[in-house]
Amino acid sequence: MLLDLHAHSVKSDDGRAKVANYCQWIKAKELPIDGFVLTEHRQFDDESDYSDIGAKFGLTILKGSEVETEYGHVLVFGVTEPLTREFDFASIHLPLAQVIEASERHGAVAIPCHPGRPRVGMAAHIDEFGVPVGVRIVEVYNGGSRDDEDAIAQAMATELGYRGIGGSDAHIVSHIGRCATRFSQQVNNETELVEALKAGEFEAVTFREAS
């Protein structure tokens, strides 16, 4: 199963894509992905229910979040209402250690995204803060990466023994599905997504060259 693990809708402050339009694009362009995860910036969108849209288009649509820490941006999968009370998702100064610890305690997974990107990527902050404790997975393919950002992420993952995921980081419709994560099992909901990530039964893939 192929899921794009990093996408933003109009719910994000800089997102310009409606969820239905993502679905229409995936089907019209016959993209190989089976679904995507909406990781809205600095929030968890608990109110939106995309199950009907997903069923209409035959796609799995899940929800996560993208938060901001001293090590850069971090995707959180498996967000629950109790987890949203552990830290302020809207803050731009979250301690990564707190995000990781709270996520693990509530059965979620925290994954630094676009870690090779200047300023908002983890690799840019290791010299200052050291290697963070608790990171096991990072995003090694990001559809919005430029120059050698993905190469930096991949080198860091290799050096530190991290597993890698892929996500488009789409903010506009035509960017969805540029990168994704292939799972060896079906992933139908956020709980199964977390289980698959913790089991390590996945690999990052990119379709950027063909997009």
N, C-alpha and C. Protein backbone atom coordinates (compact mmCIF):
# COMPACT_ATOMS: atom_id res chain seq x y z
N MET A 1 0.85 -1.19 0.00
CA MET A 1 0.00 0.00 0.00
C MET A 1 0.88 1.24 0.00
N LEU A 2 0.55 2.20 -0.84
CA LEU A 2 1.32 3.43 -0.96
C LEU A 2 0.53 4.61 -0.39
N LEU A 3 1.11 5.28 0.60
CA LEU A 3 0.49 6.45 1.19
C LEU A 3 1.45 7.63 1.13
N ASP A 4 0.94 8.77 0.71
CA ASP A 4 1.67 10.03 0.80
C ASP A 4 1.46 10.53 2.23
N LEU A 5 2.53 10.54 3.02
CA LEU A 5 2.41 10.81 4.45
C LEU A 5 2.50 12.28 4.85
N HIS A 6 2.50 13.18 3.86
CA HIS A 6 2.74 14.59 4.21
C HIS A 6 2.02 15.49 3.20
N ALA A 7 0.85 15.96 3.57
CA ALA A 7 0.09 16.85 2.67
C ALA A 7 -0.67 17.89 3.48
N HIS A 8 -0.94 19.02 2.85
CA HIS A 8 -1.64 20.13 3.51
C HIS A 8 -2.83 20.58 2.68
N SER A 9 -3.93 20.81 3.34
CA SER A 9 -5.13 21.31 2.67
C SER A 9 -5.31 22.79 2.98
N VAL A 10 -6.44 23.34 2.60
CA VAL A 10 -6.74 24.74 2.90
C VAL A 10 -6.87 24.97 4.40
N LYS A 11 -6.92 23.91 5.19
CA LYS A 11 -6.94 24.05 6.65
C LYS A 11 -5.62 24.61 7.17
N SER A 12 -4.52 24.40 6.42
CA SER A 12 -3.23 24.97 6.79
C SER A 12 -3.17 26.40 6.29
N ASP A 13 -2.42 27.24 7.00
CA ASP A 13 -2.39 28.66 6.66
C ASP A 13 -1.86 28.93 5.26
N ASP A 14 -0.98 28.06 4.76
CA ASP A 14 -0.42 28.28 3.43
C ASP A 14 -0.87 27.21 2.43
N GLY A 15 -1.85 26.41 2.81
CA GLY A 15 -2.36 25.38 1.91
C GLY A 15 -3.38 25.95 0.95
N ARG A 16 -3.33 25.50 -0.31
CA ARG A 16 -4.24 26.03 -1.32
C ARG A 16 -5.05 24.93 -2.00
N ALA A 17 -5.09 23.75 -1.41
CA ALA A 17 -5.77 22.61 -2.04
C ALA A 17 -6.91 22.10 -1.17
N LYS A 18 -8.05 21.86 -1.79
CA LYS A 18 -9.15 21.20 -1.10
C LYS A 18 -8.95 19.69 -1.20
N VAL A 19 -9.40 18.98 -0.19
CA VAL A 19 -9.18 17.54 -0.14
C VAL A 19 -9.83 16.85 -1.34
N ALA A 20 -11.02 17.25 -1.71
CA ALA A 20 -11.70 16.64 -2.86
C ALA A 20 -10.89 16.84 -4.13
N ASN A 21 -10.24 18.00 -4.25
CA ASN A 21 -9.44 18.27 -5.45
C ASN A 21 -8.18 17.40 -5.50
N TYR A 22 -7.59 17.12 -4.33
CA TYR A 22 -6.49 16.16 -4.29
C TYR A 22 -6.96 14.82 -4.84
N CYS A 23 -8.12 14.38 -4.37
CA CYS A 23 -8.65 13.08 -4.80
C CYS A 23 -8.91 13.05 -6.30
N GLN A 24 -9.49 14.12 -6.81
CA GLN A 24 -9.78 14.20 -8.24
C GLN A 24 -8.49 14.15 -9.06
N TRP A 25 -7.46 14.82 -8.58
CA TRP A 25 -6.18 14.85 -9.29
C TRP A 25 -5.54 13.47 -9.29
N ILE A 26 -5.56 12.80 -8.15
CA ILE A 26 -4.97 11.46 -8.05
C ILE A 26 -5.61 10.51 -9.05
N LYS A 27 -6.93 10.58 -9.15
CA LYS A 27 -7.64 9.69 -10.07
C LYS A 27 -7.45 10.11 -11.53
N ALA A 28 -7.50 11.41 -11.79
CA ALA A 28 -7.37 11.90 -13.17
C ALA A 28 -5.99 11.60 -13.74
N LYS A 29 -4.98 11.71 -12.91
CA LYS A 29 -3.60 11.49 -13.35
C LYS A 29 -3.16 10.04 -13.14
N GLU A 30 -4.07 9.21 -12.59
CA GLU A 30 -3.78 7.80 -12.33
C GLU A 30 -2.50 7.64 -11.50
N LEU A 31 -2.39 8.46 -10.46
CA LEU A 31 -1.23 8.36 -9.58
C LEU A 31 -1.28 7.04 -8.83
N PRO A 32 -0.14 6.45 -8.53
CA PRO A 32 -0.12 5.10 -7.94
C PRO A 32 -0.43 5.06 -6.45
N ILE A 33 -0.62 6.20 -5.80
CA ILE A 33 -0.84 6.17 -4.36
C ILE A 33 -2.27 5.73 -4.01
N ASP A 34 -2.38 5.12 -2.84
CA ASP A 34 -3.68 4.62 -2.35
C ASP A 34 -4.35 5.59 -1.38
N GLY A 35 -3.65 6.65 -1.05
CA GLY A 35 -4.22 7.63 -0.14
C GLY A 35 -3.15 8.58 0.37
N PHE A 36 -3.55 9.42 1.32
CA PHE A 36 -2.62 10.43 1.83
C PHE A 36 -3.01 10.80 3.26
N VAL A 37 -2.05 11.43 3.94
CA VAL A 37 -2.26 11.88 5.31
C VAL A 37 -2.19 13.41 5.33
N LEU A 38 -3.21 14.03 5.88
CA LEU A 38 -3.25 15.49 6.02
C LEU A 38 -2.56 15.88 7.31
N THR A 39 -1.44 16.55 7.18
CA THR A 39 -0.64 16.95 8.34
C THR A 39 -0.66 18.47 8.44
N GLU A 40 -1.77 19.01 8.86
CA GLU A 40 -1.93 20.46 8.87
C GLU A 40 -0.96 21.12 9.84
N HIS A 41 -0.51 22.32 9.46
CA HIS A 41 0.49 23.04 10.25
C HIS A 41 -0.05 23.48 11.60
N ARG A 42 0.73 23.17 12.65
CA ARG A 42 0.51 23.70 14.01
C ARG A 42 -0.91 23.49 14.51
N GLN A 43 -1.47 22.32 14.21
CA GLN A 43 -2.82 22.03 14.68
C GLN A 43 -3.12 20.55 14.42
N PHE A 44 -4.15 20.06 15.06
CA PHE A 44 -4.73 18.78 14.67
C PHE A 44 -6.18 19.03 14.34
N ASP A 45 -6.55 18.77 13.11
CA ASP A 45 -7.90 19.03 12.62
C ASP A 45 -8.82 17.90 13.05
N ASP A 46 -9.36 18.04 14.25
CA ASP A 46 -10.20 16.99 14.80
C ASP A 46 -11.63 17.03 14.24
N GLU A 47 -12.02 18.18 13.68
CA GLU A 47 -13.41 18.36 13.29
C GLU A 47 -13.76 17.79 11.91
N SER A 48 -12.80 17.68 11.01
CA SER A 48 -13.09 17.26 9.64
C SER A 48 -13.19 15.74 9.53
N ASP A 49 -14.18 15.28 8.80
CA ASP A 49 -14.37 13.86 8.54
C ASP A 49 -14.33 13.64 7.03
N TYR A 50 -13.28 12.98 6.56
CA TYR A 50 -13.09 12.78 5.13
C TYR A 50 -13.45 11.37 4.68
N SER A 51 -14.14 10.63 5.54
CA SER A 51 -14.43 9.22 5.20
C SER A 51 -15.33 9.11 3.97
N ASP A 52 -16.30 10.00 3.83
CA ASP A 52 -17.18 9.93 2.66
C ASP A 52 -16.43 10.27 1.37
N ILE A 53 -15.58 11.28 1.43
CA ILE A 53 -14.78 11.64 0.24
C ILE A 53 -13.85 10.50 -0.11
N GLY A 54 -13.22 9.92 0.89
CA GLY A 54 -12.32 8.81 0.65
C GLY A 54 -13.04 7.64 0.01
N ALA A 55 -14.23 7.31 0.52
CA ALA A 55 -15.00 6.20 -0.04
C ALA A 55 -15.41 6.49 -1.48
N LYS A 56 -15.78 7.72 -1.76
CA LYS A 56 -16.21 8.10 -3.10
C LYS A 56 -15.11 7.88 -4.12
N PHE A 57 -13.87 8.19 -3.74
CA PHE A 57 -12.75 8.09 -4.67
C PHE A 57 -11.92 6.83 -4.48
N GLY A 58 -12.30 6.01 -3.51
CA GLY A 58 -11.54 4.80 -3.26
C GLY A 58 -10.14 5.07 -2.72
N LEU A 59 -10.02 6.09 -1.88
CA LEU A 59 -8.73 6.49 -1.32
C LEU A 59 -8.80 6.51 0.21
N THR A 60 -7.68 6.21 0.84
CA THR A 60 -7.57 6.29 2.29
C THR A 60 -7.08 7.69 2.66
N ILE A 61 -7.87 8.42 3.44
CA ILE A 61 -7.51 9.78 3.85
C ILE A 61 -7.40 9.81 5.36
N LEU A 62 -6.19 10.02 5.85
CA LEU A 62 -5.93 10.03 7.28
C LEU A 62 -5.48 11.42 7.73
N LYS A 63 -5.38 11.60 9.04
CA LYS A 63 -5.00 12.91 9.57
C LYS A 63 -3.86 12.78 10.58
N GLY A 64 -2.97 13.76 10.53
CA GLY A 64 -1.88 13.87 11.49
C GLY A 64 -1.66 15.35 11.77
N SER A 65 -0.42 15.72 12.02
CA SER A 65 -0.12 17.12 12.29
C SER A 65 1.35 17.40 11.95
N GLU A 66 1.66 18.65 11.71
CA GLU A 66 3.05 19.09 11.58
C GLU A 66 3.29 20.20 12.59
N VAL A 67 4.18 19.95 13.54
CA VAL A 67 4.46 20.91 14.60
C VAL A 67 5.90 21.42 14.45
N GLU A 68 6.21 22.46 15.22
CA GLU A 68 7.51 23.13 15.09
C GLU A 68 8.29 23.05 16.40
N THR A 69 9.54 22.59 16.26
CA THR A 69 10.41 22.42 17.43
C THR A 69 11.74 23.13 17.20
N GLU A 70 12.60 23.07 18.21
CA GLU A 70 13.93 23.68 18.06
C GLU A 70 14.79 22.94 17.04
N TYR A 71 14.40 21.71 16.71
CA TYR A 71 15.11 20.94 15.68
C TYR A 71 14.44 21.06 14.30
N GLY A 72 13.43 21.88 14.19
CA GLY A 72 12.72 22.01 12.93
C GLY A 72 11.34 21.37 13.00
N HIS A 73 10.75 21.16 11.83
CA HIS A 73 9.38 20.67 11.77
C HIS A 73 9.30 19.17 11.97
N VAL A 74 8.21 18.73 12.58
CA VAL A 74 8.03 17.33 12.95
C VAL A 74 6.61 16.89 12.64
N LEU A 75 6.46 15.76 11.94
CA LEU A 75 5.16 15.17 11.70
C LEU A 75 4.77 14.31 12.89
N VAL A 76 3.51 14.37 13.27
CA VAL A 76 3.01 13.54 14.35
C VAL A 76 1.84 12.71 13.82
N PHE A 77 1.96 11.40 13.90
CA PHE A 77 0.92 10.49 13.45
C PHE A 77 0.31 9.77 14.66
N GLY A 78 -1.00 9.54 14.59
CA GLY A 78 -1.68 8.89 15.71
C GLY A 78 -2.10 9.87 16.78
N VAL A 79 -2.40 11.11 16.37
CA VAL A 79 -2.80 12.13 17.33
C VAL A 79 -4.16 11.77 17.94
N THR A 80 -4.25 11.88 19.25
CA THR A 80 -5.49 11.66 19.98
C THR A 80 -5.84 12.92 20.77
N GLU A 81 -7.05 12.99 21.24
CA GLU A 81 -7.47 14.15 22.02
C GLU A 81 -6.61 14.32 23.29
N PRO A 82 -6.30 13.23 24.01
CA PRO A 82 -5.40 13.41 25.17
C PRO A 82 -4.02 13.95 24.78
N LEU A 83 -3.51 13.54 23.61
CA LEU A 83 -2.20 14.04 23.18
C LEU A 83 -2.25 15.53 22.91
N THR A 84 -3.36 16.03 22.37
CA THR A 84 -3.45 17.47 22.08
C THR A 84 -3.41 18.32 23.34
N ARG A 85 -3.63 17.68 24.50
CA ARG A 85 -3.55 18.42 25.77
C ARG A 85 -2.14 18.40 26.37
N GLU A 86 -1.24 17.62 25.78
CA GLU A 86 0.11 17.47 26.32
C GLU A 86 1.03 18.64 25.97
N PHE A 87 0.80 19.23 24.80
CA PHE A 87 1.59 20.40 24.40
C PHE A 87 0.77 21.24 23.44
N ASP A 88 1.20 22.49 23.27
CA ASP A 88 0.47 23.44 22.42
C ASP A 88 0.88 23.23 20.97
N PHE A 89 0.03 22.59 20.19
CA PHE A 89 0.34 22.31 18.80
C PHE A 89 0.60 23.60 18.01
N ALA A 90 0.04 24.72 18.45
CA ALA A 90 0.20 25.98 17.73
C ALA A 90 1.53 26.67 18.00
N SER A 91 2.25 26.22 19.01
CA SER A 91 3.52 26.86 19.37
C SER A 91 4.58 26.62 18.30
N ILE A 92 5.44 27.62 18.11
CA ILE A 92 6.56 27.46 17.17
C ILE A 92 7.87 27.23 17.92
N HIS A 93 7.77 26.98 19.22
CA HIS A 93 8.97 26.78 20.05
C HIS A 93 8.85 25.52 20.91
N LEU A 94 8.30 24.46 20.36
CA LEU A 94 8.14 23.24 21.13
C LEU A 94 9.47 22.51 21.31
N PRO A 95 9.74 21.96 22.48
CA PRO A 95 10.92 21.11 22.65
C PRO A 95 10.68 19.77 21.97
N LEU A 96 11.58 19.35 21.12
CA LEU A 96 11.42 18.07 20.43
C LEU A 96 11.29 16.93 21.42
N ALA A 97 12.06 16.97 22.49
CA ALA A 97 12.00 15.90 23.49
C ALA A 97 10.60 15.75 24.06
N GLN A 98 9.92 16.88 24.27
CA GLN A 98 8.57 16.83 24.81
C GLN A 98 7.60 16.22 23.79
N VAL A 99 7.75 16.59 22.53
CA VAL A 99 6.89 16.07 21.48
C VAL A 99 7.07 14.56 21.34
N ILE A 100 8.32 14.11 21.36
CA ILE A 100 8.59 12.68 21.23
C ILE A 100 8.07 11.91 22.43
N GLU A 101 8.36 12.40 23.63
CA GLU A 101 7.95 11.70 24.85
C GLU A 101 6.44 11.62 24.96
N ALA A 102 5.76 12.72 24.71
CA ALA A 102 4.30 12.73 24.81
C ALA A 102 3.68 11.85 23.73
N SER A 103 4.23 11.90 22.54
CA SER A 103 3.72 11.08 21.45
C SER A 103 3.83 9.60 21.79
N GLU A 104 4.99 9.19 22.27
CA GLU A 104 5.19 7.78 22.62
C GLU A 104 4.25 7.35 23.74
N ARG A 105 4.06 8.22 24.71
CA ARG A 105 3.21 7.88 25.86
C ARG A 105 1.75 7.71 25.45
N HIS A 106 1.36 8.39 24.39
CA HIS A 106 -0.03 8.31 23.93
C HIS A 106 -0.18 7.47 22.67
N GLY A 107 0.81 6.65 22.38
CA GLY A 107 0.70 5.74 21.25
C GLY A 107 0.82 6.36 19.89
N ALA A 108 1.47 7.52 19.80
CA ALA A 108 1.67 8.21 18.53
C ALA A 108 3.14 8.09 18.11
N VAL A 109 3.46 8.60 16.94
CA VAL A 109 4.83 8.58 16.43
C VAL A 109 5.19 9.98 15.94
N ALA A 110 6.35 10.48 16.36
CA ALA A 110 6.84 11.79 15.93
C ALA A 110 8.02 11.60 14.97
N ILE A 111 7.94 12.21 13.79
CA ILE A 111 8.93 12.00 12.74
C ILE A 111 9.39 13.35 12.17
N PRO A 112 10.65 13.73 12.37
CA PRO A 112 11.15 14.97 11.77
C PRO A 112 10.99 14.94 10.25
N CYS A 113 10.44 16.01 9.69
CA CYS A 113 10.22 16.07 8.24
C CYS A 113 11.21 17.03 7.59
N HIS A 114 11.37 16.86 6.28
CA HIS A 114 12.38 17.58 5.49
C HIS A 114 13.61 17.94 6.33
N PRO A 115 14.26 16.94 6.93
CA PRO A 115 15.36 17.22 7.86
C PRO A 115 16.61 17.80 7.21
N GLY A 116 16.69 17.75 5.88
CA GLY A 116 17.84 18.35 5.21
C GLY A 116 17.65 19.80 4.83
N ARG A 117 16.52 20.37 5.18
CA ARG A 117 16.20 21.75 4.79
C ARG A 117 16.83 22.75 5.76
N PRO A 118 17.37 23.83 5.26
CA PRO A 118 17.92 24.86 6.16
C PRO A 118 16.86 25.40 7.11
N ARG A 119 17.25 25.66 8.32
CA ARG A 119 16.44 26.30 9.35
C ARG A 119 15.31 25.43 9.88
N VAL A 120 14.49 24.86 9.02
CA VAL A 120 13.33 24.10 9.50
C VAL A 120 13.56 22.59 9.44
N GLY A 121 14.80 22.16 9.21
CA GLY A 121 15.14 20.75 9.16
C GLY A 121 16.07 20.34 10.28
N MET A 122 15.95 19.12 10.74
CA MET A 122 16.71 18.64 11.89
C MET A 122 18.22 18.70 11.71
N ALA A 123 18.72 18.36 10.52
CA ALA A 123 20.16 18.31 10.31
C ALA A 123 20.84 19.65 10.57
N ALA A 124 20.10 20.74 10.34
CA ALA A 124 20.68 22.07 10.52
C ALA A 124 20.91 22.42 11.98
N HIS A 125 20.36 21.63 12.90
CA HIS A 125 20.44 21.99 14.32
C HIS A 125 21.23 20.99 15.16
N ILE A 126 21.73 19.92 14.54
CA ILE A 126 22.46 18.92 15.32
C ILE A 126 23.76 19.46 15.89
N ASP A 127 24.48 20.28 15.13
CA ASP A 127 25.72 20.84 15.64
C ASP A 127 25.49 21.67 16.90
N GLU A 128 24.37 22.38 16.94
CA GLU A 128 24.08 23.24 18.09
C GLU A 128 23.51 22.47 19.26
N PHE A 129 22.58 21.57 18.99
CA PHE A 129 21.84 20.90 20.06
C PHE A 129 22.22 19.44 20.28
N GLY A 130 23.01 18.87 19.37
CA GLY A 130 23.36 17.46 19.48
C GLY A 130 22.31 16.56 18.84
N VAL A 131 22.61 15.27 18.80
CA VAL A 131 21.67 14.30 18.22
C VAL A 131 20.53 14.10 19.22
N PRO A 132 19.29 14.33 18.80
CA PRO A 132 18.16 14.21 19.74
C PRO A 132 17.89 12.76 20.12
N VAL A 133 17.44 12.57 21.33
CA VAL A 133 17.09 11.24 21.82
C VAL A 133 15.68 10.89 21.37
N GLY A 134 15.50 9.67 20.93
CA GLY A 134 14.16 9.19 20.65
C GLY A 134 13.73 9.21 19.20
N VAL A 135 14.51 9.86 18.33
CA VAL A 135 14.17 9.86 16.91
C VAL A 135 14.54 8.51 16.31
N ARG A 136 13.62 7.89 15.60
CA ARG A 136 13.87 6.60 14.96
C ARG A 136 13.58 6.61 13.47
N ILE A 137 12.76 7.56 13.05
CA ILE A 137 12.36 7.66 11.66
C ILE A 137 12.43 9.13 11.25
N VAL A 138 12.88 9.39 10.03
CA VAL A 138 12.85 10.75 9.48
C VAL A 138 12.33 10.69 8.04
N GLU A 139 11.90 11.82 7.55
CA GLU A 139 11.44 11.90 6.17
C GLU A 139 12.65 12.05 5.25
N VAL A 140 12.87 11.08 4.38
CA VAL A 140 14.05 11.12 3.50
C VAL A 140 13.71 11.52 2.07
N TYR A 141 12.43 11.46 1.71
CA TYR A 141 11.96 11.97 0.42
C TYR A 141 10.85 12.97 0.69
N ASN A 142 11.06 14.21 0.26
CA ASN A 142 10.07 15.27 0.43
C ASN A 142 9.83 15.93 -0.93
N GLY A 143 8.57 15.99 -1.33
CA GLY A 143 8.24 16.50 -2.66
C GLY A 143 8.57 17.96 -2.87
N GLY A 144 8.80 18.70 -1.79
CA GLY A 144 9.15 20.11 -1.91
C GLY A 144 10.63 20.39 -1.74
N SER A 145 11.44 19.35 -1.63
CA SER A 145 12.88 19.55 -1.42
C SER A 145 13.55 20.17 -2.63
N ARG A 146 14.59 20.94 -2.36
CA ARG A 146 15.38 21.57 -3.41
C ARG A 146 16.84 21.13 -3.28
N ASP A 147 17.55 21.29 -4.36
CA ASP A 147 19.00 21.03 -4.37
C ASP A 147 19.32 19.68 -3.71
N ASP A 148 20.15 19.71 -2.67
CA ASP A 148 20.60 18.46 -2.05
C ASP A 148 19.91 18.18 -0.72
N GLU A 149 18.72 18.77 -0.49
CA GLU A 149 18.07 18.61 0.80
C GLU A 149 17.73 17.15 1.11
N ASP A 150 17.22 16.42 0.13
CA ASP A 150 16.92 15.00 0.36
C ASP A 150 18.20 14.20 0.57
N ALA A 151 19.25 14.55 -0.16
CA ALA A 151 20.52 13.84 0.00
C ALA A 151 21.07 14.04 1.41
N ILE A 152 20.94 15.24 1.94
CA ILE A 152 21.37 15.50 3.32
C ILE A 152 20.56 14.66 4.30
N ALA A 153 19.25 14.58 4.07
CA ALA A 153 18.38 13.79 4.93
C ALA A 153 18.75 12.32 4.88
N GLN A 154 19.01 11.82 3.69
CA GLN A 154 19.35 10.41 3.53
C GLN A 154 20.69 10.09 4.16
N ALA A 155 21.66 10.98 4.02
CA ALA A 155 22.97 10.76 4.62
C ALA A 155 22.87 10.75 6.14
N MET A 156 22.07 11.66 6.69
CA MET A 156 21.88 11.70 8.14
C MET A 156 21.19 10.42 8.62
N ALA A 157 20.18 9.98 7.88
CA ALA A 157 19.46 8.76 8.26
C ALA A 157 20.39 7.55 8.25
N THR A 158 21.25 7.48 7.25
CA THR A 158 22.20 6.37 7.17
C THR A 158 23.19 6.41 8.33
N GLU A 159 23.72 7.60 8.60
CA GLU A 159 24.72 7.75 9.66
C GLU A 159 24.15 7.43 11.04
N LEU A 160 22.91 7.83 11.28
CA LEU A 160 22.33 7.69 12.62
C LEU A 160 21.41 6.48 12.74
N GLY A 161 21.26 5.71 11.66
CA GLY A 161 20.48 4.49 11.73
C GLY A 161 18.98 4.69 11.75
N TYR A 162 18.50 5.76 11.11
CA TYR A 162 17.07 6.02 11.07
C TYR A 162 16.40 5.32 9.89
N ARG A 163 15.15 4.94 10.06
CA ARG A 163 14.32 4.51 8.94
C ARG A 163 13.82 5.76 8.22
N GLY A 164 13.37 5.59 6.96
CA GLY A 164 12.95 6.74 6.18
C GLY A 164 11.55 6.62 5.62
N ILE A 165 10.81 7.73 5.65
CA ILE A 165 9.49 7.80 5.00
C ILE A 165 9.53 8.81 3.87
N GLY A 166 8.49 8.81 3.05
CA GLY A 166 8.37 9.77 1.97
C GLY A 166 7.01 10.45 2.00
N GLY A 167 7.00 11.74 1.67
CA GLY A 167 5.76 12.51 1.59
C GLY A 167 5.92 13.67 0.64
N SER A 168 4.83 14.07 0.01
CA SER A 168 4.91 15.12 -1.01
C SER A 168 5.09 16.51 -0.43
N ASP A 169 4.62 16.72 0.82
CA ASP A 169 4.58 18.07 1.39
C ASP A 169 3.76 18.98 0.48
N ALA A 170 2.71 18.41 -0.12
CA ALA A 170 1.90 19.15 -1.08
C ALA A 170 1.12 20.27 -0.40
N HIS A 171 1.16 21.44 -1.03
CA HIS A 171 0.32 22.57 -0.63
C HIS A 171 -0.62 22.95 -1.77
N ILE A 172 -0.33 22.44 -2.96
CA ILE A 172 -1.19 22.65 -4.13
C ILE A 172 -1.50 21.30 -4.75
N VAL A 173 -2.59 21.22 -5.48
CA VAL A 173 -3.12 19.95 -5.96
C VAL A 173 -2.11 19.16 -6.78
N SER A 174 -1.38 19.82 -7.66
CA SER A 174 -0.51 19.11 -8.60
C SER A 174 0.72 18.50 -7.95
N HIS A 175 0.95 18.79 -6.67
CA HIS A 175 2.13 18.24 -5.99
C HIS A 175 1.84 16.96 -5.22
N ILE A 176 0.58 16.60 -5.06
CA ILE A 176 0.26 15.41 -4.29
C ILE A 176 0.86 14.16 -4.94
N GLY A 177 1.36 13.25 -4.15
CA GLY A 177 1.90 11.99 -4.66
C GLY A 177 3.30 12.06 -5.23
N ARG A 178 3.99 13.19 -5.08
CA ARG A 178 5.37 13.26 -5.59
C ARG A 178 6.28 12.28 -4.85
N CYS A 179 6.03 12.10 -3.58
CA CYS A 179 6.78 11.13 -2.76
C CYS A 179 5.76 10.40 -1.89
N ALA A 180 6.10 9.20 -1.49
CA ALA A 180 5.16 8.41 -0.68
C ALA A 180 5.92 7.37 0.12
N THR A 181 5.16 6.58 0.86
CA THR A 181 5.72 5.51 1.67
C THR A 181 4.98 4.22 1.35
N ARG A 182 5.74 3.19 1.03
CA ARG A 182 5.14 1.90 0.69
C ARG A 182 5.11 1.02 1.94
N PHE A 183 3.93 0.54 2.29
CA PHE A 183 3.75 -0.33 3.44
C PHE A 183 3.51 -1.76 2.97
N SER A 184 3.96 -2.71 3.76
CA SER A 184 3.81 -4.12 3.39
C SER A 184 2.45 -4.67 3.79
N GLN A 185 1.62 -3.83 4.39
CA GLN A 185 0.31 -4.26 4.83
C GLN A 185 -0.70 -3.15 4.57
N GLN A 186 -1.98 -3.47 4.68
CA GLN A 186 -3.02 -2.46 4.53
C GLN A 186 -2.99 -1.50 5.71
N VAL A 187 -3.20 -0.23 5.42
CA VAL A 187 -3.29 0.80 6.46
C VAL A 187 -4.61 1.52 6.24
N ASN A 188 -5.56 1.27 7.12
CA ASN A 188 -6.91 1.79 6.93
C ASN A 188 -7.27 2.94 7.87
N ASN A 189 -6.47 3.13 8.91
CA ASN A 189 -6.76 4.18 9.87
C ASN A 189 -5.47 4.62 10.55
N GLU A 190 -5.59 5.62 11.42
CA GLU A 190 -4.40 6.17 12.06
C GLU A 190 -3.73 5.16 12.99
N THR A 191 -4.52 4.33 13.63
CA THR A 191 -3.94 3.32 14.52
C THR A 191 -3.08 2.33 13.74
N GLU A 192 -3.59 1.87 12.62
CA GLU A 192 -2.82 0.94 11.79
C GLU A 192 -1.59 1.61 11.20
N LEU A 193 -1.69 2.90 10.91
CA LEU A 193 -0.52 3.63 10.41
C LEU A 193 0.58 3.65 11.45
N VAL A 194 0.23 3.96 12.69
CA VAL A 194 1.22 3.98 13.76
C VAL A 194 1.83 2.60 13.96
N GLU A 195 1.00 1.57 13.95
CA GLU A 195 1.49 0.20 14.12
C GLU A 195 2.49 -0.16 13.03
N ALA A 196 2.18 0.19 11.78
CA ALA A 196 3.08 -0.12 10.67
C ALA A 196 4.39 0.64 10.78
N LEU A 197 4.31 1.90 11.21
CA LEU A 197 5.53 2.69 11.37
C LEU A 197 6.40 2.13 12.49
N LYS A 198 5.78 1.77 13.59
CA LYS A 198 6.55 1.21 14.71
C LYS A 198 7.15 -0.15 14.36
N ALA A 199 6.47 -0.90 13.50
CA ALA A 199 6.97 -2.22 13.10
C ALA A 199 8.09 -2.11 12.08
N GLY A 200 8.25 -0.95 11.47
CA GLY A 200 9.31 -0.75 10.48
C GLY A 200 9.04 -1.41 9.15
N GLU A 201 7.79 -1.73 8.88
CA GLU A 201 7.45 -2.44 7.65
C GLU A 201 7.06 -1.46 6.56
N PHE A 202 8.02 -0.66 6.12
CA PHE A 202 7.74 0.37 5.12
C PHE A 202 9.04 0.80 4.45
N GLU A 203 8.89 1.50 3.32
CA GLU A 203 10.04 2.10 2.64
C GLU A 203 9.59 3.37 1.93
N ALA A 204 10.49 4.33 1.85
CA ALA A 204 10.20 5.59 1.17
C ALA A 204 10.39 5.44 -0.33
N VAL A 205 9.51 6.07 -1.09
CA VAL A 205 9.62 6.06 -2.55
C VAL A 205 9.39 7.47 -3.07
N THR A 206 9.93 7.76 -4.25
CA THR A 206 9.73 9.06 -4.87
C THR A 206 9.32 8.90 -6.32
N PHE A 207 8.42 9.80 -6.73
CA PHE A 207 7.97 9.85 -8.12
C PHE A 207 8.25 11.23 -8.70
N ARG A 208 9.12 11.98 -8.07
CA ARG A 208 9.35 13.38 -8.48
C ARG A 208 9.82 13.46 -9.93
N GLU A 209 10.67 12.51 -10.33
CA GLU A 209 11.21 12.57 -11.68
C GLU A 209 10.11 12.43 -12.73
N ALA A 210 9.02 11.76 -12.34
CA ALA A 210 7.95 11.51 -13.31
C ALA A 210 6.83 12.53 -13.19
N SER A 211 6.90 13.41 -12.18
CA SER A 211 5.78 14.33 -11.97
C SER A 211 5.96 15.60 -12.76
